[in-house]
């Protein structure tokens, strides 16, 4: 990570965990809040032709997948993730994460700090 901490992806009993310096940061076990964020944020964009949505932080792709399920075929989702490793894990079809969502033609992935 940019601050020198170690980030790792762990699989246990079919669930995935992201750990930072050995402490759990997120998991695939609980993700309702990520989906709710997309629902609330995209509610106004559903009826807008050519809408563009920015998501900062990929995680396990739950927010991205929820946004894509709500948005029209002509929408664009700009997915910004600061850590290349997180994007790589999600693109890897061996992990049941967000590979299909990242391959959606509506998605643009940018590996950078969303705040800059």
N, C-alpha and C. Protein backbone atom coordinates (compact mmCIF):
# COMPACT_ATOMS: atom_id res chain seq x y z
N UNK A 1 0.84 -1.18 0.00
CA UNK A 1 0.00 0.00 0.00
C UNK A 1 0.89 1.24 0.00
N UNK A 2 0.36 2.39 -0.42
CA UNK A 2 1.17 3.59 -0.48
C UNK A 2 1.82 3.97 0.86
N UNK A 3 1.16 3.61 1.97
CA UNK A 3 1.71 3.96 3.28
C UNK A 3 2.66 2.91 3.83
N UNK A 4 2.98 1.88 3.02
CA UNK A 4 3.92 0.86 3.43
C UNK A 4 3.31 -0.35 4.11
N UNK A 5 2.01 -0.33 4.36
CA UNK A 5 1.35 -1.48 4.98
C UNK A 5 1.20 -2.60 3.96
N UNK A 6 1.05 -3.81 4.46
CA UNK A 6 0.89 -4.98 3.60
C UNK A 6 -0.59 -5.31 3.44
N UNK A 7 -1.03 -5.45 2.20
CA UNK A 7 -2.41 -5.83 1.92
C UNK A 7 -2.39 -7.24 1.34
N UNK A 8 -3.34 -8.07 1.77
CA UNK A 8 -3.38 -9.44 1.26
C UNK A 8 -4.82 -9.90 1.07
N UNK A 9 -4.98 -10.83 0.14
CA UNK A 9 -6.27 -11.45 -0.14
C UNK A 9 -6.22 -12.86 0.42
N UNK A 10 -7.18 -13.18 1.28
CA UNK A 10 -7.24 -14.48 1.94
C UNK A 10 -8.57 -15.14 1.57
N UNK A 11 -8.53 -16.44 1.28
CA UNK A 11 -9.76 -17.21 1.05
C UNK A 11 -9.90 -18.20 2.20
N UNK A 12 -11.11 -18.28 2.75
CA UNK A 12 -11.39 -19.24 3.82
C UNK A 12 -12.84 -19.69 3.71
N UNK A 13 -13.03 -21.00 3.53
CA UNK A 13 -14.38 -21.58 3.43
C UNK A 13 -15.24 -20.91 2.36
N UNK A 14 -14.63 -20.56 1.23
CA UNK A 14 -15.37 -19.96 0.12
C UNK A 14 -15.61 -18.48 0.23
N UNK A 15 -15.15 -17.86 1.29
CA UNK A 15 -15.26 -16.41 1.46
C UNK A 15 -13.88 -15.79 1.31
N UNK A 16 -13.87 -14.55 0.85
CA UNK A 16 -12.62 -13.82 0.68
C UNK A 16 -12.55 -12.67 1.67
N UNK A 17 -11.33 -12.39 2.09
CA UNK A 17 -11.06 -11.32 3.04
C UNK A 17 -9.89 -10.50 2.53
N UNK A 18 -9.97 -9.20 2.69
CA UNK A 18 -8.82 -8.33 2.46
C UNK A 18 -8.31 -7.98 3.84
N UNK A 19 -7.01 -8.22 4.03
CA UNK A 19 -6.37 -7.90 5.29
C UNK A 19 -5.27 -6.86 5.06
N UNK A 20 -5.19 -5.96 5.99
CA UNK A 20 -4.13 -4.95 5.98
C UNK A 20 -3.31 -5.15 7.25
N UNK A 21 -2.05 -5.47 7.04
CA UNK A 21 -1.16 -5.79 8.16
C UNK A 21 -1.79 -6.80 9.11
N UNK A 22 -2.46 -7.82 8.55
CA UNK A 22 -3.04 -8.91 9.32
C UNK A 22 -4.41 -8.66 9.89
N UNK A 23 -4.94 -7.45 9.79
CA UNK A 23 -6.27 -7.12 10.32
C UNK A 23 -7.29 -7.13 9.18
N UNK A 24 -8.44 -7.77 9.40
CA UNK A 24 -9.48 -7.82 8.38
C UNK A 24 -10.00 -6.42 8.08
N UNK A 25 -10.03 -6.07 6.80
CA UNK A 25 -10.55 -4.79 6.35
C UNK A 25 -11.95 -4.97 5.78
N UNK A 26 -12.14 -6.02 4.97
CA UNK A 26 -13.45 -6.30 4.38
C UNK A 26 -13.52 -7.77 4.00
N UNK A 27 -14.75 -8.24 3.79
CA UNK A 27 -14.93 -9.63 3.39
C UNK A 27 -16.13 -9.74 2.46
N UNK A 28 -16.23 -10.91 1.84
CA UNK A 28 -17.38 -11.16 0.97
C UNK A 28 -18.58 -11.67 1.77
N UNK A 29 -18.43 -11.84 3.05
CA UNK A 29 -19.54 -12.33 3.89
C UNK A 29 -20.65 -11.30 4.05
N UNK A 30 -20.27 -10.05 4.21
CA UNK A 30 -21.27 -8.99 4.44
C UNK A 30 -21.03 -7.87 3.43
N UNK A 31 -22.06 -7.60 2.65
CA UNK A 31 -21.89 -6.57 1.62
C UNK A 31 -23.17 -5.80 1.33
N UNK A 32 -24.16 -5.91 2.18
CA UNK A 32 -25.42 -5.20 1.96
C UNK A 32 -25.22 -3.69 1.93
N UNK A 33 -24.31 -3.17 2.75
CA UNK A 33 -24.10 -1.72 2.77
C UNK A 33 -23.52 -1.22 1.45
N UNK A 34 -22.63 -2.01 0.83
CA UNK A 34 -22.06 -1.63 -0.46
C UNK A 34 -23.14 -1.57 -1.54
N UNK A 35 -24.04 -2.53 -1.52
CA UNK A 35 -25.13 -2.55 -2.49
C UNK A 35 -26.11 -1.40 -2.24
N UNK A 36 -26.37 -1.09 -0.98
CA UNK A 36 -27.27 0.01 -0.64
C UNK A 36 -26.69 1.35 -1.09
N UNK A 37 -25.38 1.51 -0.97
CA UNK A 37 -24.73 2.74 -1.44
C UNK A 37 -25.01 2.94 -2.92
N UNK A 38 -24.85 1.87 -3.71
CA UNK A 38 -25.10 1.97 -5.15
C UNK A 38 -26.57 2.29 -5.42
N UNK A 39 -27.45 1.65 -4.69
CA UNK A 39 -28.89 1.88 -4.88
C UNK A 39 -29.24 3.35 -4.62
N UNK A 40 -28.75 3.89 -3.52
CA UNK A 40 -29.05 5.28 -3.19
C UNK A 40 -28.39 6.25 -4.17
N UNK A 41 -27.13 5.98 -4.51
CA UNK A 41 -26.39 6.90 -5.38
C UNK A 41 -26.90 6.87 -6.82
N UNK A 42 -27.35 5.72 -7.29
CA UNK A 42 -27.75 5.59 -8.69
C UNK A 42 -29.23 5.83 -8.93
N UNK A 43 -30.01 5.97 -7.88
CA UNK A 43 -31.46 6.12 -8.04
C UNK A 43 -31.82 7.28 -8.97
N UNK A 44 -31.10 8.37 -8.87
CA UNK A 44 -31.40 9.53 -9.72
C UNK A 44 -30.87 9.36 -11.15
N UNK A 45 -29.92 8.46 -11.35
CA UNK A 45 -29.28 8.31 -12.66
C UNK A 45 -29.98 7.30 -13.56
N UNK A 46 -30.90 6.55 -13.02
CA UNK A 46 -31.55 5.49 -13.79
C UNK A 46 -32.22 6.03 -15.05
N UNK A 47 -32.89 7.16 -14.93
CA UNK A 47 -33.66 7.70 -16.05
C UNK A 47 -32.85 8.67 -16.92
N UNK A 48 -31.60 8.88 -16.61
CA UNK A 48 -30.77 9.83 -17.37
C UNK A 48 -30.02 9.08 -18.46
N UNK A 49 -30.28 9.47 -19.72
CA UNK A 49 -29.57 8.84 -20.83
C UNK A 49 -28.10 9.22 -20.77
N UNK A 50 -27.24 8.23 -20.98
CA UNK A 50 -25.80 8.48 -20.99
C UNK A 50 -25.23 8.90 -19.64
N UNK A 51 -25.87 8.47 -18.57
CA UNK A 51 -25.41 8.88 -17.25
C UNK A 51 -23.99 8.37 -16.99
N UNK A 52 -23.28 9.10 -16.13
CA UNK A 52 -21.92 8.72 -15.73
C UNK A 52 -21.89 8.66 -14.21
N UNK A 53 -21.34 7.57 -13.70
CA UNK A 53 -21.26 7.36 -12.26
C UNK A 53 -19.81 7.10 -11.89
N UNK A 54 -19.36 7.71 -10.81
CA UNK A 54 -18.00 7.51 -10.30
C UNK A 54 -18.08 6.68 -9.03
N UNK A 55 -17.29 5.60 -8.98
CA UNK A 55 -17.18 4.79 -7.78
C UNK A 55 -15.73 4.82 -7.34
N UNK A 56 -15.51 5.25 -6.11
CA UNK A 56 -14.16 5.31 -5.55
C UNK A 56 -13.92 4.13 -4.64
N UNK A 57 -13.07 3.22 -5.07
CA UNK A 57 -12.75 2.04 -4.28
C UNK A 57 -13.49 0.82 -4.79
N UNK A 58 -12.75 -0.15 -5.29
CA UNK A 58 -13.35 -1.36 -5.87
C UNK A 58 -13.74 -2.39 -4.82
N UNK A 59 -12.89 -2.58 -3.82
CA UNK A 59 -13.18 -3.62 -2.84
C UNK A 59 -13.37 -4.96 -3.53
N UNK A 60 -14.50 -5.60 -3.27
CA UNK A 60 -14.83 -6.86 -3.94
C UNK A 60 -15.82 -6.67 -5.07
N UNK A 61 -16.11 -5.44 -5.43
CA UNK A 61 -16.96 -5.15 -6.58
C UNK A 61 -18.45 -5.16 -6.33
N UNK A 62 -18.88 -5.23 -5.08
CA UNK A 62 -20.31 -5.28 -4.80
C UNK A 62 -21.03 -3.99 -5.19
N UNK A 63 -20.41 -2.84 -4.92
CA UNK A 63 -21.01 -1.57 -5.31
C UNK A 63 -21.07 -1.45 -6.83
N UNK A 64 -19.99 -1.84 -7.48
CA UNK A 64 -19.94 -1.80 -8.95
C UNK A 64 -21.02 -2.69 -9.55
N UNK A 65 -21.13 -3.92 -9.09
CA UNK A 65 -22.14 -4.84 -9.63
C UNK A 65 -23.56 -4.32 -9.42
N UNK A 66 -23.81 -3.76 -8.24
CA UNK A 66 -25.14 -3.21 -7.95
C UNK A 66 -25.44 -2.02 -8.85
N UNK A 67 -24.46 -1.14 -9.05
CA UNK A 67 -24.67 0.01 -9.92
C UNK A 67 -24.96 -0.44 -11.35
N UNK A 68 -24.20 -1.39 -11.84
CA UNK A 68 -24.41 -1.87 -13.21
C UNK A 68 -25.79 -2.49 -13.38
N UNK A 69 -26.28 -3.14 -12.35
CA UNK A 69 -27.60 -3.78 -12.45
C UNK A 69 -28.72 -2.75 -12.54
N UNK A 70 -28.46 -1.54 -12.07
CA UNK A 70 -29.48 -0.49 -12.07
C UNK A 70 -29.41 0.42 -13.29
N UNK A 71 -28.23 0.60 -13.84
CA UNK A 71 -28.01 1.62 -14.86
C UNK A 71 -28.32 1.11 -16.26
N UNK A 72 -28.64 2.04 -17.14
CA UNK A 72 -28.98 1.72 -18.53
C UNK A 72 -27.76 1.26 -19.32
N UNK A 73 -28.03 0.70 -20.46
CA UNK A 73 -26.97 0.17 -21.33
C UNK A 73 -26.05 1.27 -21.85
N UNK A 74 -26.50 2.52 -21.88
CA UNK A 74 -25.66 3.60 -22.37
C UNK A 74 -24.96 4.38 -21.25
N UNK A 75 -25.05 3.89 -20.03
CA UNK A 75 -24.38 4.53 -18.90
C UNK A 75 -22.89 4.22 -18.92
N UNK A 76 -22.13 5.02 -18.18
CA UNK A 76 -20.71 4.77 -17.98
C UNK A 76 -20.44 4.79 -16.49
N UNK A 77 -19.68 3.79 -16.03
CA UNK A 77 -19.25 3.76 -14.63
C UNK A 77 -17.74 3.87 -14.61
N UNK A 78 -17.25 4.91 -13.99
CA UNK A 78 -15.82 5.10 -13.83
C UNK A 78 -15.45 4.53 -12.47
N UNK A 79 -14.69 3.44 -12.50
CA UNK A 79 -14.29 2.72 -11.30
C UNK A 79 -12.85 3.11 -10.98
N UNK A 80 -12.63 3.80 -9.86
CA UNK A 80 -11.30 4.28 -9.50
C UNK A 80 -10.81 3.50 -8.28
N UNK A 81 -9.67 2.87 -8.43
CA UNK A 81 -9.07 2.08 -7.35
C UNK A 81 -7.59 2.43 -7.26
N UNK A 82 -7.13 2.77 -6.07
CA UNK A 82 -5.74 3.19 -5.89
C UNK A 82 -4.75 2.02 -5.93
N UNK A 83 -5.20 0.81 -5.57
CA UNK A 83 -4.29 -0.33 -5.47
C UNK A 83 -4.43 -1.27 -6.67
N UNK A 84 -3.36 -1.40 -7.41
CA UNK A 84 -3.36 -2.30 -8.58
C UNK A 84 -3.66 -3.74 -8.18
N UNK A 85 -3.23 -4.14 -6.99
CA UNK A 85 -3.47 -5.52 -6.53
C UNK A 85 -4.97 -5.80 -6.40
N UNK A 86 -5.73 -4.83 -5.93
CA UNK A 86 -7.18 -5.02 -5.77
C UNK A 86 -7.83 -5.20 -7.14
N UNK A 87 -7.40 -4.42 -8.11
CA UNK A 87 -7.93 -4.57 -9.48
C UNK A 87 -7.54 -5.94 -10.03
N UNK A 88 -6.30 -6.35 -9.83
CA UNK A 88 -5.83 -7.65 -10.33
C UNK A 88 -6.60 -8.80 -9.71
N UNK A 89 -6.84 -8.76 -8.40
CA UNK A 89 -7.61 -9.83 -7.75
C UNK A 89 -9.00 -9.92 -8.35
N UNK A 90 -9.62 -8.77 -8.57
CA UNK A 90 -10.99 -8.76 -9.10
C UNK A 90 -11.05 -9.18 -10.56
N UNK A 91 -10.01 -8.95 -11.31
CA UNK A 91 -9.98 -9.37 -12.72
C UNK A 91 -9.69 -10.86 -12.88
N UNK A 92 -9.12 -11.48 -11.87
CA UNK A 92 -8.71 -12.89 -11.94
C UNK A 92 -9.95 -13.80 -11.89
N UNK A 93 -10.24 -14.50 -12.98
CA UNK A 93 -11.43 -15.35 -13.00
C UNK A 93 -11.35 -16.55 -12.05
N UNK A 94 -10.16 -16.84 -11.52
CA UNK A 94 -10.02 -17.92 -10.54
C UNK A 94 -10.67 -17.56 -9.20
N UNK A 95 -10.79 -16.26 -8.94
CA UNK A 95 -11.46 -15.78 -7.73
C UNK A 95 -12.87 -15.38 -8.14
N UNK A 96 -13.85 -15.75 -7.36
CA UNK A 96 -15.23 -15.42 -7.68
C UNK A 96 -15.54 -14.02 -7.14
N UNK A 97 -14.96 -13.02 -7.81
CA UNK A 97 -15.13 -11.64 -7.36
C UNK A 97 -15.84 -10.82 -8.43
N UNK A 98 -15.20 -9.84 -9.02
CA UNK A 98 -15.87 -8.90 -9.92
C UNK A 98 -15.37 -8.94 -11.36
N UNK A 99 -14.80 -10.05 -11.81
CA UNK A 99 -14.24 -10.11 -13.16
C UNK A 99 -15.28 -9.78 -14.23
N UNK A 100 -16.48 -10.31 -14.10
CA UNK A 100 -17.52 -10.03 -15.11
C UNK A 100 -17.94 -8.56 -15.09
N UNK A 101 -18.05 -7.99 -13.91
CA UNK A 101 -18.43 -6.58 -13.81
C UNK A 101 -17.35 -5.69 -14.41
N UNK A 102 -16.10 -5.99 -14.15
CA UNK A 102 -15.01 -5.18 -14.71
C UNK A 102 -14.93 -5.31 -16.23
N UNK A 103 -15.40 -6.43 -16.77
CA UNK A 103 -15.39 -6.65 -18.22
C UNK A 103 -16.58 -6.00 -18.91
N UNK A 104 -17.53 -5.50 -18.15
CA UNK A 104 -18.71 -4.83 -18.73
C UNK A 104 -18.24 -3.63 -19.55
N UNK A 105 -18.71 -3.49 -20.78
CA UNK A 105 -18.24 -2.37 -21.63
C UNK A 105 -18.60 -0.99 -21.09
N UNK A 106 -19.48 -0.91 -20.12
CA UNK A 106 -19.83 0.39 -19.52
C UNK A 106 -18.82 0.85 -18.49
N UNK A 107 -17.86 -0.02 -18.13
CA UNK A 107 -16.94 0.27 -17.04
C UNK A 107 -15.58 0.76 -17.56
N UNK A 108 -15.12 1.84 -16.98
CA UNK A 108 -13.77 2.36 -17.20
C UNK A 108 -13.04 2.23 -15.87
N UNK A 109 -11.92 1.54 -15.87
CA UNK A 109 -11.15 1.34 -14.64
C UNK A 109 -9.94 2.27 -14.65
N UNK A 110 -9.79 3.03 -13.61
CA UNK A 110 -8.65 3.91 -13.45
C UNK A 110 -7.92 3.52 -12.16
N UNK A 111 -6.64 3.22 -12.27
CA UNK A 111 -5.83 2.89 -11.10
C UNK A 111 -5.15 4.16 -10.61
N UNK A 112 -5.80 4.82 -9.68
CA UNK A 112 -5.28 6.07 -9.10
C UNK A 112 -6.08 6.43 -7.87
N UNK A 113 -5.67 7.48 -7.21
CA UNK A 113 -6.36 7.99 -6.03
C UNK A 113 -7.59 8.77 -6.50
N UNK A 114 -8.76 8.37 -6.05
CA UNK A 114 -10.00 9.03 -6.50
C UNK A 114 -10.05 10.49 -6.07
N UNK A 115 -9.30 10.83 -5.04
CA UNK A 115 -9.30 12.22 -4.56
C UNK A 115 -8.40 13.16 -5.34
N UNK A 116 -7.67 12.62 -6.30
CA UNK A 116 -6.74 13.47 -7.05
C UNK A 116 -7.13 13.59 -8.49
